[in-house]
Protein backbone atom coordinates (compact mmCIF):
# COMPACT_ATOMS: atom_id res chain seq x y z
CA UNK A 1 -2.59 11.07 -17.82
CA UNK A 2 -3.59 14.48 -19.12
CA UNK A 3 -5.23 15.92 -16.05
CA UNK A 4 -2.73 18.38 -14.43
CA UNK A 5 -4.30 17.95 -10.98
CA UNK A 6 -3.93 14.20 -11.30
CA UNK A 7 -0.39 14.48 -12.64
CA UNK A 8 0.61 16.60 -9.68
CA UNK A 9 -0.28 13.76 -7.35
CA UNK A 10 1.05 10.90 -9.41
CA UNK A 11 3.60 10.07 -6.76
CA UNK A 12 7.27 10.67 -6.07
CA UNK A 13 9.37 10.45 -9.26
CA UNK A 14 11.75 7.98 -7.64
CA UNK A 15 8.92 5.43 -7.60
CA UNK A 16 8.51 5.51 -11.36
CA UNK A 17 10.81 2.54 -11.81
CA UNK A 18 9.14 0.60 -9.04
CA UNK A 19 5.38 1.08 -9.39
CA UNK A 20 3.03 0.80 -12.35
CA UNK A 21 2.53 3.89 -14.53
CA UNK A 22 -0.04 6.52 -13.49
CA UNK A 23 -3.60 5.79 -14.52
CA UNK A 24 -7.01 7.44 -14.17
CA UNK A 25 -10.17 5.98 -12.80
CA UNK A 26 -12.86 4.72 -15.15
CA UNK A 27 -15.61 5.29 -12.58
CA UNK A 28 -16.09 7.51 -9.54
CA UNK A 29 -18.95 8.04 -7.15
CA UNK A 30 -20.23 8.94 -3.68
CA UNK A 31 -21.62 6.29 -1.40
CA UNK A 32 -24.33 7.43 0.99
CA UNK A 33 -23.48 5.58 4.14
CA UNK A 34 -25.90 7.19 6.56
CA UNK A 35 -25.34 9.69 9.42
CA UNK A 36 -25.19 12.48 6.83
CA UNK A 37 -21.94 11.02 5.44
CA UNK A 38 -20.94 10.69 1.78
CA UNK A 39 -17.87 8.51 1.03
CA UNK A 40 -15.92 9.10 -2.20
CA UNK A 41 -14.93 5.99 -4.15
CA UNK A 42 -13.33 5.24 -7.48
CA UNK A 43 -12.44 2.30 -9.71
CA UNK A 44 -9.47 2.00 -12.06
CA UNK A 45 -7.62 -0.73 -13.91
CA UNK A 46 -9.41 -3.70 -15.44
CA UNK A 47 -13.18 -3.84 -14.74
CA UNK A 48 -12.96 -7.66 -15.15
CA UNK A 49 -9.85 -7.97 -13.05
CA UNK A 50 -9.13 -9.20 -9.52
CA UNK A 51 -10.82 -6.80 -7.06
CA UNK A 52 -8.63 -5.06 -4.57
CA UNK A 53 -9.53 -2.32 -2.10
CA UNK A 54 -6.89 0.19 -0.91
CA UNK A 55 -7.18 1.41 2.68
CA UNK A 56 -5.39 4.64 3.36
CA UNK A 57 -3.60 5.57 6.61
CA UNK A 58 -4.16 8.10 9.31
CA UNK A 59 -7.00 7.67 9.93
CA UNK A 60 -7.77 10.78 8.07
CA UNK A 61 -5.06 10.92 5.40
CA UNK A 62 -7.28 10.25 2.35
CA UNK A 63 -6.24 8.62 -0.93
CA UNK A 64 -4.02 9.96 -3.68
CA UNK A 65 -3.84 9.03 -7.39
CA UNK A 66 -0.46 7.36 -6.93
CA UNK A 67 -2.03 4.73 -4.63
CA UNK A 68 -3.49 3.06 -7.75
CA UNK A 69 0.02 2.27 -8.92
CA UNK A 70 0.73 -0.62 -6.54
CA UNK A 71 -1.46 -2.82 -8.73
CA UNK A 72 -1.08 -4.21 -12.25
CA UNK A 73 -3.87 -2.32 -14.10
CA UNK A 74 -4.30 -5.19 -16.58
CA UNK A 75 -4.96 -7.71 -13.83
CA UNK A 76 -6.60 -5.75 -11.03
CA UNK A 77 -9.88 -3.98 -10.53
CA UNK A 78 -8.58 -1.26 -8.20
CA UNK A 79 -10.98 0.32 -5.70
CA UNK A 80 -9.94 3.36 -3.69
CA UNK A 81 -12.11 5.25 -1.21
CA UNK A 82 -11.69 8.14 1.18
CA UNK A 83 -12.71 7.18 4.71
CA UNK A 84 -15.29 9.36 6.53
CA UNK A 85 -14.43 13.01 7.02
CA UNK A 86 -11.28 13.21 4.83
CA UNK A 87 -10.08 13.44 1.25
CA UNK A 88 -13.12 13.93 -1.03
CA UNK A 89 -15.58 12.51 1.44
CA UNK A 90 -18.06 14.88 3.11
CA UNK A 91 -18.69 16.52 5.48
CA UNK A 92 -15.00 17.27 5.87
CA UNK A 93 -13.40 17.07 9.33
CA UNK A 94 -11.60 20.38 8.81
CA UNK A 95 -14.86 22.30 9.22
CA UNK A 96 -14.97 24.33 12.47
CA UNK A 97 -18.22 22.54 13.50
CA UNK A 98 -17.00 19.00 12.48
CA UNK A 99 -18.91 16.24 14.21
CA UNK A 100 -17.02 12.98 14.54
CA UNK A 101 -19.58 11.01 16.51
CA UNK A 102 -20.31 8.84 13.54
CA UNK A 103 -16.65 8.26 12.62
CA UNK A 104 -15.43 5.09 14.25
CA UNK A 105 -13.61 1.94 13.18
CA UNK A 106 -16.89 0.03 13.04
CA UNK A 107 -18.60 2.66 10.94
CA UNK A 108 -15.68 2.30 8.49
CA UNK A 109 -15.97 -1.48 8.49
CA UNK A 110 -19.67 -1.16 7.69
CA UNK A 111 -18.91 1.38 4.94
CA UNK A 112 -16.50 -1.13 3.33
CA UNK A 113 -19.13 -3.90 3.37
CA UNK A 114 -21.71 -1.55 1.85
CA UNK A 115 -19.23 -0.53 -0.86
CA UNK A 116 -18.33 -4.14 -1.65
CA UNK A 117 -21.95 -5.15 -1.96
CA UNK A 118 -22.88 -2.09 -4.08
CA UNK A 119 -20.05 -2.85 -6.46
CA UNK A 120 -21.16 -6.49 -6.79
CA UNK A 121 -17.91 -7.92 -5.47
CA UNK A 122 -17.96 -11.34 -3.83
CA UNK A 123 -14.41 -11.28 -2.42
CA UNK A 124 -11.63 -8.75 -2.69
CA UNK A 125 -7.98 -8.39 -1.71
CA UNK A 126 -7.56 -5.87 1.14
CA UNK A 127 -4.45 -3.73 1.02
CA UNK A 128 -3.64 -1.33 3.84
CA UNK A 129 -0.74 0.40 5.55
CA UNK A 130 -0.33 2.03 8.96
CA UNK A 131 -3.87 2.82 10.15
CA UNK A 132 -4.96 1.04 6.95
CA UNK A 133 -3.43 -2.14 8.33
CA UNK A 134 -5.53 -1.81 11.51
CA UNK A 135 -8.68 -1.25 9.48
CA UNK A 136 -7.79 -4.16 7.18
CA UNK A 137 -7.37 -6.45 10.18
CA UNK A 138 -10.61 -5.26 11.77
CA UNK A 139 -12.50 -5.75 8.54
CA UNK A 140 -11.02 -9.13 7.76
CA UNK A 141 -11.70 -10.43 11.28
CA UNK A 142 -15.33 -9.30 11.03
CA UNK A 143 -15.79 -10.44 7.42
CA UNK A 144 -13.25 -13.19 6.66
CA UNK A 145 -15.49 -14.69 4.00
CA UNK A 146 -15.14 -11.44 1.91
CA UNK A 147 -11.33 -11.34 1.87
CA UNK A 148 -9.22 -13.20 -0.71
CA UNK A 149 -5.80 -11.96 0.49
CA UNK A 150 -4.30 -9.28 2.76
CA UNK A 151 -1.32 -7.07 1.98
CA UNK A 152 -0.34 -5.08 5.05
CA UNK A 153 2.33 -2.47 5.70
CA UNK A 154 3.62 -0.72 8.86
CA UNK A 155 1.49 -2.67 11.30
CA UNK A 156 -0.48 -0.56 13.76
CA UNK A 157 -3.08 -1.98 16.19
CA UNK A 158 -3.70 1.02 18.56
CA UNK A 159 -2.54 -0.84 21.69
CA UNK A 160 -1.86 1.60 24.52
CA UNK A 161 1.90 1.18 24.39
CA UNK A 162 1.98 1.80 20.64
CA UNK A 163 0.15 5.10 21.12
CA UNK A 164 2.33 6.11 24.09
CA UNK A 165 5.51 5.35 22.13
CA UNK A 166 4.79 7.84 19.42
CA UNK A 167 2.52 10.44 21.02
CA UNK A 168 3.50 10.54 24.68
CA UNK A 169 7.29 10.79 24.47
CA UNK A 170 8.94 7.47 23.51
CA UNK A 171 9.92 8.52 19.98
CA UNK A 172 11.28 11.83 21.32
CA UNK A 173 14.46 9.87 22.20
CA UNK A 174 15.18 9.64 18.47
CA UNK A 175 13.77 13.03 17.38
CA UNK A 176 14.23 15.49 20.33
CA UNK A 177 14.44 18.47 17.97
CA UNK A 178 11.16 17.59 16.20
CA UNK A 179 9.54 16.74 19.53
CA UNK A 180 10.02 20.27 20.80
CA UNK A 181 7.84 21.54 17.96
CA UNK A 182 5.21 18.91 18.66
CA UNK A 183 4.84 19.80 22.35
CA UNK A 184 5.14 23.59 21.80
CA UNK A 185 1.35 24.21 21.49
CA UNK A 186 0.72 22.41 24.80
CA UNK A 187 1.41 24.20 28.16
CA UNK A 188 3.91 22.33 30.37
CA UNK A 189 1.27 21.35 32.97
CA UNK A 190 -0.67 19.40 30.29
CA UNK A 191 2.25 17.53 28.71
CA UNK A 192 1.86 14.39 30.84
CA UNK A 193 -1.19 13.44 28.72
CA UNK A 194 -0.53 14.86 25.25
CA UNK A 195 -3.18 12.97 23.29
CA UNK A 196 -5.84 14.34 25.60
CA UNK A 197 -4.31 17.84 25.58
CA UNK A 198 -4.35 17.87 21.80
CA UNK A 199 -7.91 16.56 21.80
CA UNK A 200 -9.08 19.65 23.63
CA UNK A 201 -7.46 21.95 21.12
CA UNK A 202 -8.35 20.03 17.99
CA UNK A 203 -12.07 19.98 19.01
CA UNK A 204 -12.08 23.68 19.77
CA UNK A 205 -14.23 25.43 17.12
CA UNK A 206 -11.93 28.45 16.98
CA UNK A 207 -9.54 28.18 13.97
CA UNK A 208 -6.96 30.14 15.94
CA UNK A 209 -6.81 27.18 18.31
CA UNK A 210 -7.47 24.08 16.19
CA UNK A 211 -5.48 25.08 13.09
CA UNK A 212 -2.01 25.46 14.74
CA UNK A 213 -2.64 22.31 16.78
CA UNK A 214 -3.57 20.38 13.61
CA UNK A 215 -0.49 21.54 11.76
CA UNK A 216 1.85 20.75 14.69
CA UNK A 217 0.33 17.25 15.17
CA UNK A 218 0.54 16.44 11.49
CA UNK A 219 4.04 17.91 11.03
CA UNK A 220 5.37 15.69 13.82
CA UNK A 221 4.06 12.61 12.08
CA UNK A 222 5.07 13.67 8.59
CA UNK A 223 8.60 14.49 9.71
CA UNK A 224 9.19 10.99 11.12
CA UNK A 225 7.59 8.86 8.37
CA UNK A 226 10.78 8.22 6.33
CA UNK A 227 14.30 7.08 7.10
CA UNK A 228 15.67 10.16 5.45
CA UNK A 229 13.97 13.59 5.68
CA UNK A 230 11.43 14.27 2.97
CA UNK A 231 10.58 18.02 3.08
CA UNK A 232 8.12 17.75 0.16
CA UNK A 233 6.10 15.11 2.04
CA UNK A 234 6.06 17.19 5.17
CA UNK A 235 4.95 20.31 3.26
CA UNK A 236 2.15 18.44 1.49
CA UNK A 237 0.76 16.92 4.70
CA UNK A 238 1.05 20.25 6.68
CA UNK A 239 -1.37 22.13 4.37
CA UNK A 240 -3.76 23.49 7.01
CA UNK A 241 -7.17 22.12 5.90
CA UNK A 242 -5.78 18.65 5.25
CA UNK A 243 -3.67 18.78 8.44
CA UNK A 244 -6.62 19.71 10.64
CA UNK A 245 -8.80 16.90 9.24
CA UNK A 246 -5.95 14.44 9.59
CA UNK A 247 -5.12 15.40 13.12
CA UNK A 248 -8.73 15.64 14.30
CA UNK A 249 -9.71 12.22 12.96
CA UNK A 250 -6.50 10.57 14.07
CA UNK A 251 -6.65 12.04 17.56
CA UNK A 252 -10.36 11.14 17.86
CA UNK A 253 -9.47 7.48 17.13
CA UNK A 254 -6.57 7.48 19.54
CA UNK A 255 -8.54 8.95 22.42
CA UNK A 256 -10.91 6.05 22.00
CA UNK A 257 -8.11 3.51 21.30
CA UNK A 258 -9.81 2.58 18.02
CA UNK A 259 -12.85 1.25 19.82
CA UNK A 260 -10.90 -1.97 20.25
CA UNK A 261 -10.39 -3.90 23.44
CA UNK A 262 -6.68 -3.82 24.33
CA UNK A 263 -4.80 -6.20 21.99
CA UNK A 264 -7.90 -7.17 20.05
CA UNK A 265 -6.46 -7.25 16.54
CA UNK A 266 -3.54 -9.49 17.49
CA UNK A 267 -5.59 -11.67 19.88
CA UNK A 268 -8.17 -12.34 17.17
CA UNK A 269 -5.62 -13.17 14.42
CA UNK A 270 -6.86 -16.78 14.57
CA UNK A 271 -9.99 -15.77 12.69
CA UNK A 272 -7.93 -14.97 9.58
CA UNK A 273 -4.99 -17.40 9.69
CA UNK A 274 -6.45 -19.13 6.59
CA UNK A 275 -6.25 -15.98 4.49
CA UNK A 276 -3.01 -15.64 2.42
CA UNK A 277 -1.16 -12.55 3.60
CA UNK A 278 2.06 -10.55 3.25
CA UNK A 279 3.24 -8.16 5.97
CA UNK A 280 5.77 -5.50 4.87
CA UNK A 281 7.60 -3.68 7.66
CA UNK A 282 10.43 -1.23 7.65
CA UNK A 283 13.14 -2.21 10.14
CA UNK A 284 13.58 1.38 11.31
CA UNK A 285 9.90 2.36 11.45
CA UNK A 286 9.50 4.96 14.19
CA UNK A 287 5.76 5.64 13.80
CA UNK A 288 4.75 1.97 14.09
CA UNK A 289 7.77 0.14 15.37
CA UNK A 290 8.50 -3.44 14.29
CA UNK A 291 7.42 -4.79 17.65
CA UNK A 292 3.81 -4.82 16.50
CA UNK A 293 4.47 -6.52 13.19
CA UNK A 294 6.48 -9.13 15.06
CA UNK A 295 3.70 -9.70 17.60
CA UNK A 296 1.17 -10.10 14.79
CA UNK A 297 3.49 -12.51 12.91
CA UNK A 298 3.89 -14.64 16.01
CA UNK A 299 0.11 -14.90 16.35
CA UNK A 300 -0.27 -15.46 12.59
CA UNK A 301 2.83 -17.48 11.48
CA UNK A 302 1.27 -18.35 8.13
CA UNK A 303 1.51 -14.69 7.07
CA UNK A 304 4.76 -13.88 5.24
CA UNK A 305 6.73 -11.17 7.05
CA UNK A 306 8.97 -9.06 4.80
CA UNK A 307 11.34 -6.86 6.75
CA UNK A 308 12.82 -4.02 4.64
CA UNK A 309 16.27 -3.34 6.08
CA UNK A 310 16.73 0.24 4.91
CA UNK A 311 13.33 1.80 5.49
CA UNK A 312 11.11 3.41 8.10
CA UNK A 313 7.32 3.71 7.72
CA UNK A 314 6.34 5.31 4.46
CA UNK A 315 5.15 3.53 1.33
CA UNK A 316 7.14 6.11 -0.64
CA UNK A 317 10.34 4.50 0.47
CA UNK A 318 11.77 2.41 -2.38
CA UNK A 319 12.25 -0.85 -0.48
CA UNK A 320 8.77 -0.77 0.96
CA UNK A 321 7.14 0.18 -2.38
CA UNK A 322 8.99 -2.66 -4.15
CA UNK A 323 7.95 -5.25 -1.54
CA UNK A 324 4.32 -4.10 -1.77
CA UNK A 325 4.29 -4.35 -5.55
CA UNK A 326 5.91 -7.78 -5.37
CA UNK A 327 3.13 -8.97 -3.06
CA UNK A 328 0.31 -7.69 -5.31
CA UNK A 329 2.04 -9.17 -8.36
CA UNK A 330 2.27 -12.56 -6.64
CA UNK A 331 -1.36 -12.58 -5.63
CA UNK A 332 -2.46 -11.41 -9.09
CA UNK A 333 -0.76 -14.52 -10.50
CA UNK A 334 -2.68 -16.67 -8.09
CA UNK A 335 0.28 -17.78 -5.89
């Protein structure tokens, strides 16, 4: 890799002994998906290899070059894309006049199908963590015939109690110091419904209002992703433009509970029980606690559940990264 910009985002050095070496895409493009939206996509690895699509988290986090490294580049055709409004997709949700009306779960599912068909792929492995696990489940349940395997991490299904745990005060029991910074932008009389209070500020067109709200929202999440503090991760996520896009899109999805009926992704697991799958879950995940992975596993006992005993939520944690690579290696071999 000779591109300095790419090298700067090649991933944490401690993953070099766990993941595959950095690589660059052999093709990039923009997919016109309608509604004035352009979705960035790229392909790397082996053009004749097993197709896999990587679904980033958030929603709104975007992809990074190091995400290619979970897959053997000799055996996989690796497809990454930035979901609507974030990363290199346009229009970007950080713009003061950002319009998120056409950014929903089902728009993203349709974008994935359009991308799959445009790339001439019959079936692909779907790999997603955190929000990416929710999108992977939604896509697979809508299009099971298009999915060869699922690799999921940090299971998140946007049920009401999952959202309330992390954004309405549950997780403050573990991080009371960080919680103070999260609630600081919200007046005390509005703190009984924090997701809604943040929604009002994140949708305000005034940068003096939406920018500090976006940074506070994103910093709370970034500060709780890992078992041990990772200041570099927090700093990278708290960059204002990226933080505003991340917070706006994420909050937009949470206000609407993902456009799912309550419990939908777990209730409809029967549609995908025939698809080989691995679920990787950190035991001490605060963002998406293990209760959801356990509920999904009970509804889908054929899926292998791998509990990493010394990890929280992030795919940058060594135990989680190793388990994810082991899953993709196994499926590449046809097991």
